[in-house]
Protein backbone atom coordinates (compact mmCIF):
# COMPACT_ATOMS: atom_id res chain seq x y z
CA UNK A 1 125.27 60.51 111.23
CA UNK A 2 122.23 62.68 111.12
CA UNK A 3 122.65 66.09 110.19
CA UNK A 4 119.99 68.63 111.21
CA UNK A 5 118.35 71.86 110.00
CA UNK A 6 116.43 74.03 112.74
CA UNK A 7 113.58 76.80 112.66
CA UNK A 8 112.32 78.97 115.11
CA UNK A 9 108.51 80.55 114.43
CA UNK A 10 106.29 82.75 116.48
CA UNK A 11 103.56 80.63 117.66
CA UNK A 12 100.18 82.56 117.56
CA UNK A 13 98.04 81.59 120.16
CA UNK A 14 94.75 81.96 118.05
CA UNK A 15 96.16 80.01 115.17
CA UNK A 16 98.42 77.40 116.84
CA UNK A 17 97.20 74.29 115.34
CA UNK A 18 97.30 75.87 111.64
CA UNK A 19 100.52 76.75 112.21
CA UNK A 20 101.95 73.26 113.78
CA UNK A 21 100.27 71.71 110.67
CA UNK A 22 101.71 73.81 108.32
CA UNK A 23 105.27 73.43 109.34
CA UNK A 24 104.51 69.59 110.14
CA UNK A 25 103.34 69.02 106.36
CA UNK A 26 107.00 70.28 105.15
CA UNK A 27 108.75 68.05 107.49
CA UNK A 28 109.84 69.94 110.64
CA UNK A 29 109.15 68.15 113.51
CA UNK A 30 108.10 70.15 117.08
CA UNK A 31 110.93 70.29 119.37
CA UNK A 32 109.65 72.68 122.30
CA UNK A 33 107.54 75.84 122.63
CA UNK A 34 108.83 78.69 124.91
CA UNK A 35 107.94 81.87 126.53
CA UNK A 36 109.73 84.57 124.26
CA UNK A 37 111.85 87.25 125.58
CA UNK A 38 108.20 89.79 124.72
CA UNK A 39 105.79 87.59 126.31
CA UNK A 40 104.83 85.36 122.87
CA UNK A 41 105.50 81.95 122.22
CA UNK A 42 108.29 80.47 120.35
CA UNK A 43 107.95 77.41 118.37
CA UNK A 44 111.39 75.34 118.00
CA UNK A 45 111.83 72.90 114.94
CA UNK A 46 113.99 70.56 113.36
CA UNK A 47 114.17 68.03 110.21
CA UNK A 48 116.65 66.18 108.91
CA UNK A 49 119.26 67.10 105.72
CA UNK A 50 119.86 65.31 103.17
CA UNK A 51 123.39 65.31 101.61
CA UNK A 52 121.95 66.76 98.55
CA UNK A 53 119.99 69.83 99.55
CA UNK A 54 121.63 72.74 99.66
CA UNK A 55 123.44 74.03 102.96
CA UNK A 56 120.81 77.48 102.69
CA UNK A 57 117.45 75.72 103.10
CA UNK A 58 117.39 76.68 106.43
CA UNK A 59 117.67 80.19 105.93
CA UNK A 60 115.29 80.24 102.64
CA UNK A 61 112.62 78.55 105.31
CA UNK A 62 113.40 80.97 107.72
CA UNK A 63 112.44 83.73 105.34
CA UNK A 64 109.50 82.06 104.25
CA UNK A 65 108.53 81.87 108.38
CA UNK A 66 109.26 85.55 108.38
CA UNK A 67 106.75 86.67 105.28
CA UNK A 68 104.31 84.24 106.70
CA UNK A 69 104.48 86.23 110.32
CA UNK A 70 104.64 89.43 108.58
CA UNK A 71 100.76 88.63 106.93
CA UNK A 72 103.02 88.55 103.34
CA UNK A 73 101.51 86.62 100.76
CA UNK A 74 103.61 86.96 98.03
């Protein structure tokens, strides 16, 4: 059985293709784009988790997404 990890991230209208391509290069598949609670768009992604991956891989990806959204390049 395939095990999935999920990611949600804001989708900035002026940079949509770059954001989607960035996540796609990291193995994330776009599942859906919905209107966020504050009016912006939110993208939902998924990717399969291998047996060898750590359980917190999704947390690391979410932290990276937050840093990118906030403009932190460190």
